[in-house]
Amino acid sequence: MSIEDRLKEMNITLPKAAAPAANYVPFVKSGAYLYVSGQVPMGASGLEYIGKLGENTSVEEGQAAAKLCAVNLLAQAKAALGELENIKRLVKLVGFVNSAPDFTDQPKVINGASDFMVEVMGEKGRHARSAVGVAALPFGVAVEIEAIFEI
């Protein structure tokens, strides 16, 4: 089953790829790779999941934020490639979690994106990953995720 078909089956419509918020490009194609800039949890009505994990945002909310970031990563990939079937595999995700000083469940939070990518892409969605706690993220969002795809 194609990635697009799987998204339809899951009732997920990819949004229009977001424009950059500063002086950078949303993606770079280089050789056999597509590098997608960090995506925040931008929903249909704007930014969602503002907050700090371990302070005012739950792990479950963080996972939902990570999943929304992953949806936005796929939207950028589609904008870059035209078709998601041009992706050979997801190579790596790097997840940043807006964390209180004693919060240590960053991997659980980023599982929201990892699990989604495997569910949508199957085996080619299995990837290497980093899950990093940070003191703050742009606009106060709970999660930001970047990706590297082989194309």
C-alpha atoms as a PDB file:
ATOM      1  CA  MET A   1       0.000   0.000   0.000  1.00  0.00           C
ATOM      2  CA  SER A   2       1.330   3.456  -0.886  1.00  0.00           C
ATOM      3  CA  ILE A   3       2.065   6.084   1.734  1.00  0.00           C
ATOM      4  CA  GLU A   4      -0.699   8.283   0.305  1.00  0.00           C
ATOM      5  CA  ASP A   5      -3.204   5.398   0.454  1.00  0.00           C
ATOM      6  CA  ARG A   6      -2.221   4.630   4.026  1.00  0.00           C
ATOM      7  CA  LEU A   7      -2.706   8.290   4.997  1.00  0.00           C
ATOM      8  CA  LYS A   8      -6.184   8.234   3.426  1.00  0.00           C
ATOM      9  CA  GLU A   9      -6.995   5.027   5.290  1.00  0.00           C
ATOM     10  CA  MET A  10      -5.971   6.791   8.520  1.00  0.00           C
ATOM     11  CA  ASN A  11      -8.125   9.845   7.614  1.00  0.00           C
ATOM     12  CA  ILE A  12      -5.087  12.115   7.533  1.00  0.00           C
ATOM     13  CA  THR A  13      -4.883  14.897   4.975  1.00  0.00           C
ATOM     14  CA  LEU A  14      -1.482  16.484   4.615  1.00  0.00           C
ATOM     15  CA  PRO A  15      -1.572  20.254   5.111  1.00  0.00           C
ATOM     16  CA  LYS A  16       0.035  22.737   2.767  1.00  0.00           C
ATOM     17  CA  ALA A  17       3.732  22.760   3.610  1.00  0.00           C
ATOM     18  CA  ALA A  18       4.509  25.617   6.003  1.00  0.00           C
ATOM     19  CA  ALA A  19       6.728  28.475   4.877  1.00  0.00           C
ATOM     20  CA  PRO A  20       9.936  29.040   6.858  1.00  0.00           C
ATOM     21  CA  ALA A  21       9.696  31.366   9.862  1.00  0.00           C
ATOM     22  CA  ALA A  22      13.208  32.788   9.378  1.00  0.00           C
ATOM     23  CA  ASN A  23      16.166  32.836   6.960  1.00  0.00           C
ATOM     24  CA  TYR A  24      16.324  29.163   5.950  1.00  0.00           C
ATOM     25  CA  VAL A  25      14.692  26.815   3.460  1.00  0.00           C
ATOM     26  CA  PRO A  26      12.134  24.180   4.466  1.00  0.00           C
ATOM     27  CA  PHE A  27      14.065  21.376   2.781  1.00  0.00           C
ATOM     28  CA  VAL A  28      17.258  20.638   0.865  1.00  0.00           C
ATOM     29  CA  LYS A  29      17.693  17.874  -1.699  1.00  0.00           C
ATOM     30  CA  SER A  30      21.303  16.737  -1.918  1.00  0.00           C
ATOM     31  CA  GLY A  31      22.307  13.624  -3.787  1.00  0.00           C
ATOM     32  CA  ALA A  32      20.095  10.746  -2.686  1.00  0.00           C
ATOM     33  CA  TYR A  33      18.832  12.546   0.426  1.00  0.00           C
ATOM     34  CA  LEU A  34      16.137  14.987   1.409  1.00  0.00           C
ATOM     35  CA  TYR A  35      16.809  16.995   4.564  1.00  0.00           C
ATOM     36  CA  VAL A  36      13.666  18.519   6.055  1.00  0.00           C
ATOM     37  CA  SER A  37      14.026  21.435   8.466  1.00  0.00           C
ATOM     38  CA  GLY A  38      12.549  21.170  11.926  1.00  0.00           C
ATOM     39  CA  GLN A  39       8.765  21.104  11.932  1.00  0.00           C
ATOM     40  CA  VAL A  40       6.671  22.325  14.832  1.00  0.00           C
ATOM     41  CA  PRO A  41       3.140  21.199  15.724  1.00  0.00           C
ATOM     42  CA  MET A  42       1.315  23.502  13.305  1.00  0.00           C
ATOM     43  CA  GLY A  43      -2.310  22.504  12.939  1.00  0.00           C
ATOM     44  CA  ALA A  44      -5.130  23.782  10.745  1.00  0.00           C
ATOM     45  CA  SER A  45      -5.827  26.691  13.113  1.00  0.00           C
ATOM     46  CA  GLY A  46      -2.227  27.544  13.973  1.00  0.00           C
ATOM     47  CA  LEU A  47       0.311  26.382  16.522  1.00  0.00           C
ATOM     48  CA  GLU A  48      -0.808  23.597  18.824  1.00  0.00           C
ATOM     49  CA  TYR A  49       0.779  22.036  21.920  1.00  0.00           C
ATOM     50  CA  ILE A  50       2.419  25.048  23.494  1.00  0.00           C
ATOM     51  CA  GLY A  51       4.119  24.114  26.728  1.00  0.00           C
ATOM     52  CA  LYS A  52       6.908  22.398  28.598  1.00  0.00           C
ATOM     53  CA  LEU A  53       6.970  18.646  29.218  1.00  0.00           C
ATOM     54  CA  GLY A  54       7.166  17.788  32.891  1.00  0.00           C
ATOM     55  CA  GLU A  55       5.740  21.160  33.843  1.00  0.00           C
ATOM     56  CA  ASN A  56       2.437  21.900  32.089  1.00  0.00           C
ATOM     57  CA  THR A  57       2.296  19.373  29.236  1.00  0.00           C
ATOM     58  CA  SER A  58       1.775  15.606  29.595  1.00  0.00           C
ATOM     59  CA  VAL A  59       3.691  12.856  27.812  1.00  0.00           C
ATOM     60  CA  GLU A  60       0.488  12.038  25.886  1.00  0.00           C
ATOM     61  CA  GLU A  61       0.162  15.652  24.719  1.00  0.00           C
ATOM     62  CA  GLY A  62       3.836  15.583  23.754  1.00  0.00           C
ATOM     63  CA  GLN A  63       3.270  12.419  21.720  1.00  0.00           C
ATOM     64  CA  ALA A  64       0.351  14.079  19.915  1.00  0.00           C
ATOM     65  CA  ALA A  65       2.580  17.087  19.213  1.00  0.00           C
ATOM     66  CA  ALA A  66       5.303  14.786  17.850  1.00  0.00           C
ATOM     67  CA  LYS A  67       2.781  13.050  15.579  1.00  0.00           C
ATOM     68  CA  LEU A  68       1.629  16.425  14.238  1.00  0.00           C
ATOM     69  CA  CYS A  69       5.262  17.358  13.584  1.00  0.00           C
ATOM     70  CA  ALA A  70       5.628  14.091  11.629  1.00  0.00           C
ATOM     71  CA  VAL A  71       2.552  14.913   9.533  1.00  0.00           C
ATOM     72  CA  ASN A  72       4.179  18.254   8.742  1.00  0.00           C
ATOM     73  CA  LEU A  73       7.455  16.512   7.842  1.00  0.00           C
ATOM     74  CA  LEU A  74       5.558  14.433   5.276  1.00  0.00           C
ATOM     75  CA  ALA A  75       3.877  17.583   3.948  1.00  0.00           C
ATOM     76  CA  GLN A  76       7.313  19.130   3.366  1.00  0.00           C
ATOM     77  CA  ALA A  77       8.564  15.918   1.745  1.00  0.00           C
ATOM     78  CA  LYS A  78       5.589  15.923  -0.625  1.00  0.00           C
ATOM     79  CA  ALA A  79       6.244  19.591  -1.480  1.00  0.00           C
ATOM     80  CA  ALA A  80       9.883  18.737  -2.209  1.00  0.00           C
ATOM     81  CA  LEU A  81       9.324  15.523  -4.159  1.00  0.00           C
ATOM     82  CA  GLY A  82       5.849  15.835  -5.652  1.00  0.00           C
ATOM     83  CA  GLU A  83       4.980  12.283  -4.591  1.00  0.00           C
ATOM     84  CA  LEU A  84       5.656  10.559  -1.293  1.00  0.00           C
ATOM     85  CA  GLU A  85       6.383   7.340  -3.190  1.00  0.00           C
ATOM     86  CA  ASN A  86       9.685   8.969  -4.203  1.00  0.00           C
ATOM     87  CA  ILE A  87      10.860   8.297  -0.642  1.00  0.00           C
ATOM     88  CA  LYS A  88      12.983   5.142  -0.423  1.00  0.00           C
ATOM     89  CA  ARG A  89      13.117   5.253   3.375  1.00  0.00           C
ATOM     90  CA  LEU A  90      13.160   7.472   6.416  1.00  0.00           C
ATOM     91  CA  VAL A  91      16.785   7.516   7.544  1.00  0.00           C
ATOM     92  CA  LYS A  92      16.679   9.599  10.728  1.00  0.00           C
ATOM     93  CA  LEU A  93      14.477  11.711  12.963  1.00  0.00           C
ATOM     94  CA  VAL A  94      15.868  14.241  15.403  1.00  0.00           C
ATOM     95  CA  GLY A  95      13.338  15.295  18.021  1.00  0.00           C
ATOM     96  CA  PHE A  96      13.633  18.238  20.373  1.00  0.00           C
ATOM     97  CA  VAL A  97      11.408  18.275  23.455  1.00  0.00           C
ATOM     98  CA  ASN A  98      10.745  21.463  25.437  1.00  0.00           C
ATOM     99  CA  SER A  99      11.569  19.990  28.853  1.00  0.00           C
ATOM    100  CA  ALA A 100      11.471  20.933  32.511  1.00  0.00           C
ATOM    101  CA  PRO A 101      14.901  20.402  34.147  1.00  0.00           C
ATOM    102  CA  ASP A 102      13.965  17.044  35.687  1.00  0.00           C
ATOM    103  CA  PHE A 103      11.959  15.658  32.733  1.00  0.00           C
ATOM    104  CA  THR A 104      13.610  12.526  31.270  1.00  0.00           C
ATOM    105  CA  ASP A 105      10.935  10.931  29.071  1.00  0.00           C
ATOM    106  CA  GLN A 106      11.992  12.585  25.794  1.00  0.00           C
ATOM    107  CA  PRO A 107      12.142   9.189  24.008  1.00  0.00           C
ATOM    108  CA  LYS A 108       8.530   8.442  24.991  1.00  0.00           C
ATOM    109  CA  VAL A 109       7.458  11.812  23.575  1.00  0.00           C
ATOM    110  CA  ILE A 110       9.251  11.339  20.240  1.00  0.00           C
ATOM    111  CA  ASN A 111       7.683   7.879  19.957  1.00  0.00           C
ATOM    112  CA  GLY A 112       4.603   9.796  18.815  1.00  0.00           C
ATOM    113  CA  ALA A 113       6.450  10.625  15.586  1.00  0.00           C
ATOM    114  CA  SER A 114       8.366   7.358  15.264  1.00  0.00           C
ATOM    115  CA  ASP A 115       5.291   5.175  15.715  1.00  0.00           C
ATOM    116  CA  PHE A 116       3.345   7.288  13.211  1.00  0.00           C
ATOM    117  CA  MET A 117       6.087   7.092  10.568  1.00  0.00           C
ATOM    118  CA  VAL A 118       6.274   3.293  10.859  1.00  0.00           C
ATOM    119  CA  GLU A 119       2.484   3.022  10.756  1.00  0.00           C
ATOM    120  CA  VAL A 120       2.303   5.136   7.587  1.00  0.00           C
ATOM    121  CA  MET A 121       5.462   3.990   5.794  1.00  0.00           C
ATOM    122  CA  GLY A 122       5.828   0.396   6.972  1.00  0.00           C
ATOM    123  CA  GLU A 123       9.356  -0.993   7.027  1.00  0.00           C
ATOM    124  CA  LYS A 124      10.741   1.975   5.097  1.00  0.00           C
ATOM    125  CA  GLY A 125       9.601   4.142   8.010  1.00  0.00           C
ATOM    126  CA  ARG A 126      11.973   2.459  10.503  1.00  0.00           C
ATOM    127  CA  HIS A 127      14.720   4.930  11.283  1.00  0.00           C
ATOM    128  CA  ALA A 128      17.619   6.019  13.444  1.00  0.00           C
ATOM    129  CA  ARG A 129      16.664   8.674  15.976  1.00  0.00           C
ATOM    130  CA  SER A 130      17.711  11.172  18.589  1.00  0.00           C
ATOM    131  CA  ALA A 131      15.391  12.536  21.292  1.00  0.00           C
ATOM    132  CA  VAL A 132      16.822  15.586  23.014  1.00  0.00           C
ATOM    133  CA  GLY A 133      15.513  17.680  25.894  1.00  0.00           C
ATOM    134  CA  VAL A 134      15.928  21.432  25.487  1.00  0.00           C
ATOM    135  CA  ALA A 135      15.194  24.427  27.723  1.00  0.00           C
ATOM    136  CA  ALA A 136      12.972  26.168  25.154  1.00  0.00           C
ATOM    137  CA  LEU A 137      11.709  25.880  21.575  1.00  0.00           C
ATOM    138  CA  PRO A 138      10.485  28.492  19.074  1.00  0.00           C
ATOM    139  CA  PHE A 139       7.079  29.981  19.911  1.00  0.00           C
ATOM    140  CA  GLY A 140       7.047  27.925  23.137  1.00  0.00           C
ATOM    141  CA  VAL A 141       6.002  24.718  21.337  1.00  0.00           C
ATOM    142  CA  ALA A 142       6.361  21.398  23.123  1.00  0.00           C
ATOM    143  CA  VAL A 143       8.162  19.557  20.296  1.00  0.00           C
ATOM    144  CA  GLU A 144      10.136  20.201  17.096  1.00  0.00           C
ATOM    145  CA  ILE A 145      11.309  17.413  14.762  1.00  0.00           C
ATOM    146  CA  GLU A 146      13.570  17.304  11.702  1.00  0.00           C
ATOM    147  CA  ALA A 147      14.061  14.419   9.272  1.00  0.00           C
ATOM    148  CA  ILE A 148      16.402  12.913   6.728  1.00  0.00           C
ATOM    149  CA  PHE A 149      14.845  10.816   3.949  1.00  0.00           C
ATOM    150  CA  GLU A 150      16.591   8.709   1.316  1.00  0.00           C
ATOM    151  CA  ILE A 151      15.064   9.463  -2.084  1.00  0.00           C
END
